[in-house]
PDB file of N, CA and C in Angstrom:
ATOM      1  N   ALA A   1       0.824  -1.215  -0.006  1.00  0.00           N
ATOM      2  CA  ALA A   1      -0.027  -0.028   0.025  1.00  0.00           C
ATOM      3  C   ALA A   1       0.857   1.275  -0.027  1.00  0.00           C
ATOM      4  N   LEU A   2       1.911   1.281   0.822  1.00  0.00           N
ATOM      5  CA  LEU A   2       2.811   2.446   0.974  1.00  0.00           C
ATOM      6  C   LEU A   2       4.222   2.018   0.946  1.00  0.00           C
ATOM      7  N   ARG A   3       5.074   2.870   0.345  1.00  0.00           N
ATOM      8  CA  ARG A   3       6.485   2.689   0.381  1.00  0.00           C
ATOM      9  C   ARG A   3       7.132   4.078   0.603  1.00  0.00           C
ATOM     10  N   TYR A   4       7.985   4.299   1.561  1.00  0.00           N
ATOM     11  CA  TYR A   4       8.558   5.619   1.779  1.00  0.00           C
ATOM     12  C   TYR A   4       9.820   5.443   2.557  1.00  0.00           C
ATOM     13  N   ASN A   5      10.916   6.000   2.004  1.00  0.00           N
ATOM     14  CA  ASN A   5      12.227   5.929   2.647  1.00  0.00           C
ATOM     15  C   ASN A   5      12.674   4.498   2.830  1.00  0.00           C
ATOM     16  N   GLY A   6      12.334   3.562   1.843  1.00  0.00           N
ATOM     17  CA  GLY A   6      12.800   2.162   2.037  1.00  0.00           C
ATOM     18  C   GLY A   6      11.959   1.287   2.938  1.00  0.00           C
ATOM     19  N   ILE A   7      10.869   1.901   3.487  1.00  0.00           N
ATOM     20  CA  ILE A   7      10.054   1.158   4.385  1.00  0.00           C
ATOM     21  C   ILE A   7       8.645   0.914   3.692  1.00  0.00           C
ATOM     22  N   SER A   8       8.215  -0.386   3.755  1.00  0.00           N
ATOM     23  CA  SER A   8       6.870  -0.582   3.076  1.00  0.00           C
ATOM     24  C   SER A   8       5.893  -1.074   4.138  1.00  0.00           C
ATOM     25  N   TRP A   9       4.547  -0.629   3.847  1.00  0.00           N
ATOM     26  CA  TRP A   9       3.469  -1.074   4.633  1.00  0.00           C
ATOM     27  C   TRP A   9       2.426  -1.787   3.709  1.00  0.00           C
ATOM     28  N   SER A  10       1.895  -2.906   4.147  1.00  0.00           N
ATOM     29  CA  SER A  10       0.787  -3.526   3.423  1.00  0.00           C
ATOM     30  C   SER A  10      -0.403  -2.852   3.614  1.00  0.00           C
ATOM     31  N   TYR A  11      -1.488  -3.208   2.862  1.00  0.00           N
ATOM     32  CA  TYR A  11      -2.809  -2.549   3.067  1.00  0.00           C
ATOM     33  C   TYR A  11      -3.282  -2.962   4.441  1.00  0.00           C
ATOM     34  N   LYS A  12      -2.978  -4.194   4.905  1.00  0.00           N
ATOM     35  CA  LYS A  12      -3.432  -4.648   6.219  1.00  0.00           C
ATOM     36  C   LYS A  12      -2.788  -3.784   7.385  1.00  0.00           C
ATOM     37  N   LYS A  13      -1.480  -3.461   7.293  1.00  0.00           N
ATOM     38  CA  LYS A  13      -0.761  -2.744   8.290  1.00  0.00           C
ATOM     39  C   LYS A  13      -1.331  -1.255   8.207  1.00  0.00           C
ATOM     40  N   LEU A  14      -1.456  -0.654   7.018  1.00  0.00           N
ATOM     41  CA  LEU A  14      -2.062   0.676   6.991  1.00  0.00           C
ATOM     42  C   LEU A  14      -3.505   0.742   7.580  1.00  0.00           C
ATOM     43  N   ASN A  15      -4.308  -0.195   7.240  1.00  0.00           N
ATOM     44  CA  ASN A  15      -5.603  -0.258   7.822  1.00  0.00           C
ATOM     45  C   ASN A  15      -5.583  -0.409   9.315  1.00  0.00           C
ATOM     46  N   GLN A  16      -4.748  -1.226   9.869  1.00  0.00           N
ATOM     47  CA  GLN A  16      -4.648  -1.476  11.258  1.00  0.00           C
ATOM     48  C   GLN A  16      -4.201  -0.091  12.010  1.00  0.00           C
ATOM     49  N   ARG A  17      -3.256   0.525  11.360  1.00  0.00           N
ATOM     50  CA  ARG A  17      -2.751   1.799  11.960  1.00  0.00           C
ATOM     51  C   ARG A  17      -3.852   2.908  11.904  1.00  0.00           C
ATOM     52  N   ALA A  18      -4.547   2.980  10.782  1.00  0.00           N
ATOM     53  CA  ALA A  18      -5.655   3.949  10.605  1.00  0.00           C
ATOM     54  C   ALA A  18      -6.783   3.637  11.635  1.00  0.00           C
ATOM     55  N   ASN A  19      -7.058   2.392  11.928  1.00  0.00           N
ATOM     56  CA  ASN A  19      -8.149   2.004  12.855  1.00  0.00           C
ATOM     57  C   ASN A  19      -7.717   2.426  14.225  1.00  0.00           C
ATOM     58  N   GLN A  20      -6.381   2.249  14.604  1.00  0.00           N
ATOM     59  CA  GLN A  20      -5.914   2.580  15.911  1.00  0.00           C
ATOM     60  C   GLN A  20      -6.151   4.107  16.121  1.00  0.00           C
ATOM     61  N   ILE A  21      -5.737   4.870  15.065  1.00  0.00           N
ATOM     62  CA  ILE A  21      -5.908   6.307  15.175  1.00  0.00           C
ATOM     63  C   ILE A  21      -7.324   6.714  15.294  1.00  0.00           C
ATOM     64  N   ALA A  22      -8.194   6.089  14.478  1.00  0.00           N
ATOM     65  CA  ALA A  22      -9.673   6.404  14.526  1.00  0.00           C
ATOM     66  C   ALA A  22     -10.210   6.095  15.888  1.00  0.00           C
ATOM     67  N   HIS A  23      -9.831   5.029  16.475  1.00  0.00           N
ATOM     68  CA  HIS A  23     -10.375   4.693  17.897  1.00  0.00           C
ATOM     69  C   HIS A  23      -9.862   5.674  18.845  1.00  0.00           C
ATOM     70  N   ALA A  24      -8.598   6.059  18.827  1.00  0.00           N
ATOM     71  CA  ALA A  24      -8.041   7.059  19.703  1.00  0.00           C
ATOM     72  C   ALA A  24      -8.706   8.381  19.539  1.00  0.00           C
ATOM     73  N   LEU A  25      -8.931   8.830  18.330  1.00  0.00           N
ATOM     74  CA  LEU A  25      -9.742  10.155  18.069  1.00  0.00           C
ATOM     75  C   LEU A  25     -11.078  10.013  18.598  1.00  0.00           C
ATOM     76  N   ARG A  26     -11.858   8.982  18.370  1.00  0.00           N
ATOM     77  CA  ARG A  26     -13.208   8.851  18.884  1.00  0.00           C
ATOM     78  C   ARG A  26     -13.178   8.955  20.442  1.00  0.00           C
ATOM     79  N   GLU A  27     -12.175   8.271  21.076  1.00  0.00           N
ATOM     80  CA  GLU A  27     -12.124   8.427  22.516  1.00  0.00           C
ATOM     81  C   GLU A  27     -11.887   9.854  23.022  1.00  0.00           C
ATOM     82  N   LYS A  28     -11.251  10.613  22.181  1.00  0.00           N
ATOM     83  CA  LYS A  28     -10.949  12.025  22.506  1.00  0.00           C
ATOM     84  C   LYS A  28     -12.094  12.940  21.953  1.00  0.00           C
ATOM     85  N   GLY A  29     -13.120  12.406  21.396  1.00  0.00           N
ATOM     86  CA  GLY A  29     -14.323  13.187  21.049  1.00  0.00           C
ATOM     87  C   GLY A  29     -14.465  13.465  19.559  1.00  0.00           C
ATOM     88  N   ALA A  30     -13.666  12.907  18.714  1.00  0.00           N
ATOM     89  CA  ALA A  30     -13.807  13.225  17.236  1.00  0.00           C
ATOM     90  C   ALA A  30     -15.160  12.592  16.810  1.00  0.00           C
ATOM     91  N   ARG A  31     -15.917  13.355  16.129  1.00  0.00           N
ATOM     92  CA  ARG A  31     -17.294  12.982  15.638  1.00  0.00           C
ATOM     93  C   ARG A  31     -17.459  13.639  14.208  1.00  0.00           C
ATOM     94  N   PRO A  32     -18.531  13.151  13.532  1.00  0.00           N
ATOM     95  CA  PRO A  32     -18.947  13.803  12.254  1.00  0.00           C
ATOM     96  C   PRO A  32     -19.241  15.270  12.538  1.00  0.00           C
ATOM     97  N   ASP A  33     -19.112  16.044  11.450  1.00  0.00           N
ATOM     98  CA  ASP A  33     -19.275  17.539  11.569  1.00  0.00           C
ATOM     99  C   ASP A  33     -18.223  18.213  12.439  1.00  0.00           C
ATOM    100  N   GLN A  34     -17.137  17.581  12.741  1.00  0.00           N
ATOM    101  CA  GLN A  34     -16.092  18.184  13.509  1.00  0.00           C
ATOM    102  C   GLN A  34     -14.808  18.147  12.591  1.00  0.00           C
ATOM    103  N   ILE A  35     -13.885  18.990  12.861  1.00  0.00           N
ATOM    104  CA  ILE A  35     -12.614  19.074  12.093  1.00  0.00           C
ATOM    105  C   ILE A  35     -11.472  18.756  13.025  1.00  0.00           C
ATOM    106  N   THR A  36     -10.630  17.894  12.527  1.00  0.00           N
ATOM    107  CA  THR A  36      -9.413  17.487  13.263  1.00  0.00           C
ATOM    108  C   THR A  36      -8.238  18.103  12.465  1.00  0.00           C
ATOM    109  N   ALA A  37      -7.457  18.860  13.236  1.00  0.00           N
ATOM    110  CA  ALA A  37      -6.228  19.541  12.558  1.00  0.00           C
ATOM    111  C   ALA A  37      -5.212  18.514  12.499  1.00  0.00           C
ATOM    112  N   VAL A  38      -4.366  18.628  11.419  1.00  0.00           N
ATOM    113  CA  VAL A  38      -3.217  17.738  11.226  1.00  0.00           C
ATOM    114  C   VAL A  38      -1.994  18.587  10.872  1.00  0.00           C
ATOM    115  N   MET A  39      -0.966  18.422  11.777  1.00  0.00           N
ATOM    116  CA  MET A  39       0.347  19.175  11.579  1.00  0.00           C
ATOM    117  C   MET A  39       1.473  18.169  11.686  1.00  0.00           C
ATOM    118  N   LEU A  40       1.681  17.435  10.589  1.00  0.00           N
ATOM    119  CA  LEU A  40       2.650  16.384  10.546  1.00  0.00           C
ATOM    120  C   LEU A  40       3.555  16.509   9.364  1.00  0.00           C
ATOM    121  N   ARG A  41       4.805  16.128   9.588  1.00  0.00           N
ATOM    122  CA  ARG A  41       5.702  15.970   8.345  1.00  0.00           C
ATOM    123  C   ARG A  41       5.235  14.824   7.423  1.00  0.00           C
ATOM    124  N   ARG A  42       5.537  14.876   6.135  1.00  0.00           N
ATOM    125  CA  ARG A  42       5.191  13.731   5.311  1.00  0.00           C
ATOM    126  C   ARG A  42       5.839  12.440   5.690  1.00  0.00           C
ATOM    127  N   SER A  43       4.946  11.503   5.951  1.00  0.00           N
ATOM    128  CA  SER A  43       5.458  10.218   6.309  1.00  0.00           C
ATOM    129  C   SER A  43       4.211   9.218   6.076  1.00  0.00           C
ATOM    130  N   MET A  44       4.516   7.963   6.328  1.00  0.00           N
ATOM    131  CA  MET A  44       3.429   6.990   6.237  1.00  0.00           C
ATOM    132  C   MET A  44       2.445   7.104   7.253  1.00  0.00           C
ATOM    133  N   ASN A  45       2.959   7.683   8.437  1.00  0.00           N
ATOM    134  CA  ASN A  45       1.896   7.925   9.592  1.00  0.00           C
ATOM    135  C   ASN A  45       0.953   9.013   9.158  1.00  0.00           C
ATOM    136  N   THR A  46       1.441   9.967   8.274  1.00  0.00           N
ATOM    137  CA  THR A  46       0.554  11.031   7.871  1.00  0.00           C
ATOM    138  C   THR A  46      -0.701  10.428   7.124  1.00  0.00           C
ATOM    139  N   VAL A  47      -0.327   9.458   6.203  1.00  0.00           N
ATOM    140  CA  VAL A  47      -1.379   8.801   5.447  1.00  0.00           C
ATOM    141  C   VAL A  47      -2.282   8.050   6.360  1.00  0.00           C
ATOM    142  N   ALA A  48      -1.730   7.326   7.334  1.00  0.00           N
ATOM    143  CA  ALA A  48      -2.605   6.603   8.266  1.00  0.00           C
ATOM    144  C   ALA A  48      -3.426   7.650   9.100  1.00  0.00           C
ATOM    145  N   ALA A  49      -2.899   8.693   9.488  1.00  0.00           N
ATOM    146  CA  ALA A  49      -3.622   9.724  10.315  1.00  0.00           C
ATOM    147  C   ALA A  49      -4.799  10.250   9.469  1.00  0.00           C
ATOM    148  N   LEU A  50      -4.629  10.541   8.200  1.00  0.00           N
ATOM    149  CA  LEU A  50      -5.711  11.061   7.398  1.00  0.00           C
ATOM    150  C   LEU A  50      -6.845   9.922   7.220  1.00  0.00           C
ATOM    151  N   LEU A  51      -6.491   8.749   6.969  1.00  0.00           N
ATOM    152  CA  LEU A  51      -7.356   7.680   6.996  1.00  0.00           C
ATOM    153  C   LEU A  51      -8.143   7.450   8.275  1.00  0.00           C
ATOM    154  N   GLY A  52      -7.327   7.549   9.365  1.00  0.00           N
ATOM    155  CA  GLY A  52      -7.954   7.409  10.649  1.00  0.00           C
ATOM    156  C   GLY A  52      -8.967   8.542  11.034  1.00  0.00           C
ATOM    157  N   ILE A  53      -8.669   9.710  10.617  1.00  0.00           N
ATOM    158  CA  ILE A  53      -9.586  10.854  10.782  1.00  0.00           C
ATOM    159  C   ILE A  53     -10.931  10.596  10.035  1.00  0.00           C
ATOM    160  N   TRP A  54     -10.714  10.230   8.727  1.00  0.00           N
ATOM    161  CA  TRP A  54     -11.964   9.910   7.964  1.00  0.00           C
ATOM    162  C   TRP A  54     -12.687   8.765   8.634  1.00  0.00           C
ATOM    163  N   LYS A  55     -12.042   7.653   9.107  1.00  0.00           N
ATOM    164  CA  LYS A  55     -12.681   6.619   9.768  1.00  0.00           C
ATOM    165  C   LYS A  55     -13.414   7.069  11.082  1.00  0.00           C
ATOM    166  N   SER A  56     -12.891   8.017  11.736  1.00  0.00           N
ATOM    167  CA  SER A  56     -13.504   8.528  12.913  1.00  0.00           C
ATOM    168  C   SER A  56     -14.796   9.276  12.619  1.00  0.00           C
ATOM    169  N   GLY A  57     -14.958   9.700  11.335  1.00  0.00           N
ATOM    170  CA  GLY A  57     -16.146  10.449  10.946  1.00  0.00           C
ATOM    171  C   GLY A  57     -15.904  11.854  10.796  1.00  0.00           C
ATOM    172  N   SER A  58     -14.751  12.335  11.238  1.00  0.00           N
ATOM    173  CA  SER A  58     -14.579  13.827  11.179  1.00  0.00           C
ATOM    174  C   SER A  58     -13.743  14.175   9.893  1.00  0.00           C
ATOM    175  N   ALA A  59     -13.586  15.403   9.653  1.00  0.00           N
ATOM    176  CA  ALA A  59     -12.863  16.004   8.452  1.00  0.00           C
ATOM    177  C   ALA A  59     -11.475  16.400   8.995  1.00  0.00           C
ATOM    178  N   TYR A  60     -10.539  16.476   8.090  1.00  0.00           N
ATOM    179  CA  TYR A  60      -9.227  16.890   8.501  1.00  0.00           C
ATOM    180  C   TYR A  60      -8.843  18.300   7.917  1.00  0.00           C
ATOM    181  N   MET A  61      -8.024  19.028   8.630  1.00  0.00           N
ATOM    182  CA  MET A  61      -7.566  20.316   8.252  1.00  0.00           C
ATOM    183  C   MET A  61      -6.082  20.365   8.312  1.00  0.00           C
ATOM    184  N   PRO A  62      -5.399  20.306   7.178  1.00  0.00           N
ATOM    185  CA  PRO A  62      -3.970  20.291   7.251  1.00  0.00           C
ATOM    186  C   PRO A  62      -3.444  21.654   7.630  1.00  0.00           C
ATOM    187  N   ILE A  63      -2.450  21.665   8.463  1.00  0.00           N
ATOM    188  CA  ILE A  63      -1.783  22.903   8.928  1.00  0.00           C
ATOM    189  C   ILE A  63      -0.293  22.724   8.633  1.00  0.00           C
ATOM    190  N   ASP A  64       0.278  23.704   7.971  1.00  0.00           N
ATOM    191  CA  ASP A  64       1.741  23.649   7.592  1.00  0.00           C
ATOM    192  C   ASP A  64       2.469  24.203   8.834  1.00  0.00           C
ATOM    193  N   ALA A  65       3.469  23.352   9.236  1.00  0.00           N
ATOM    194  CA  ALA A  65       4.284  23.748  10.388  1.00  0.00           C
ATOM    195  C   ALA A  65       5.110  24.981  10.189  1.00  0.00           C
ATOM    196  N   GLU A  66       5.199  25.352   8.893  1.00  0.00           N
ATOM    197  CA  GLU A  66       6.066  26.546   8.510  1.00  0.00           C
ATOM    198  C   GLU A  66       5.175  27.845   8.564  1.00  0.00           C
ATOM    199  N   PHE A  67       3.918  27.752   8.808  1.00  0.00           N
ATOM    200  CA  PHE A  67       3.123  28.910   9.017  1.00  0.00           C
ATOM    201  C   PHE A  67       3.570  29.653  10.288  1.00  0.00           C
ATOM    202  N   PRO A  68       3.374  30.975  10.232  1.00  0.00           N
ATOM    203  CA  PRO A  68       3.698  31.721  11.450  1.00  0.00           C
ATOM    204  C   PRO A  68       2.803  31.273  12.616  1.00  0.00           C
ATOM    205  N   PRO A  69       3.241  31.418  13.764  1.00  0.00           N
ATOM    206  CA  PRO A  69       2.395  30.927  14.989  1.00  0.00           C
ATOM    207  C   PRO A  69       0.991  31.655  15.037  1.00  0.00           C
ATOM    208  N   GLU A  70       0.971  32.891  14.582  1.00  0.00           N
ATOM    209  CA  GLU A  70      -0.305  33.606  14.616  1.00  0.00           C
ATOM    210  C   GLU A  70      -1.292  33.008  13.667  1.00  0.00           C
ATOM    211  N   ARG A  71      -0.828  32.508  12.500  1.00  0.00           N
ATOM    212  CA  ARG A  71      -1.723  31.868  11.510  1.00  0.00           C
ATOM    213  C   ARG A  71      -2.196  30.467  12.029  1.00  0.00           C
ATOM    214  N   ILE A  72      -1.252  29.797  12.642  1.00  0.00           N
ATOM    215  CA  ILE A  72      -1.603  28.404  13.304  1.00  0.00           C
ATOM    216  C   ILE A  72      -2.699  28.667  14.344  1.00  0.00           C
ATOM    217  N   SER A  73      -2.480  29.654  15.154  1.00  0.00           N
ATOM    218  CA  SER A  73      -3.540  29.972  16.218  1.00  0.00           C
ATOM    219  C   SER A  73      -4.769  30.325  15.612  1.00  0.00           C
ATOM    220  N   PHE A  74      -4.789  31.191  14.597  1.00  0.00           N
ATOM    221  CA  PHE A  74      -6.088  31.491  13.907  1.00  0.00           C
ATOM    222  C   PHE A  74      -6.863  30.382  13.419  1.00  0.00           C
ATOM    223  N   LEU A  75      -6.010  29.378  12.735  1.00  0.00           N
ATOM    224  CA  LEU A  75      -6.685  28.174  12.168  1.00  0.00           C
ATOM    225  C   LEU A  75      -7.207  27.281  13.240  1.00  0.00           C
ATOM    226  N   LEU A  76      -6.561  27.230  14.330  1.00  0.00           N
ATOM    227  CA  LEU A  76      -7.083  26.300  15.402  1.00  0.00           C
ATOM    228  C   LEU A  76      -8.174  26.907  16.117  1.00  0.00           C
TER     229      LEU A  76
END
């Protein structure tokens, strides 16, 4: 399913990781009609996080870590 920097994940591993993230987000209150902010560097975990957010029912909002702190605060 994924290959990055010489590491590969099968669809099964990606799905398992996304499910873990979805369950953790639901425990923290993620629900439909809510937005979950994402500020991660590109990696396989980023893909799993996006899938996990969708599986939790919420939407994602990517935030660039290079944004000025004021912009990040405004978005949040």
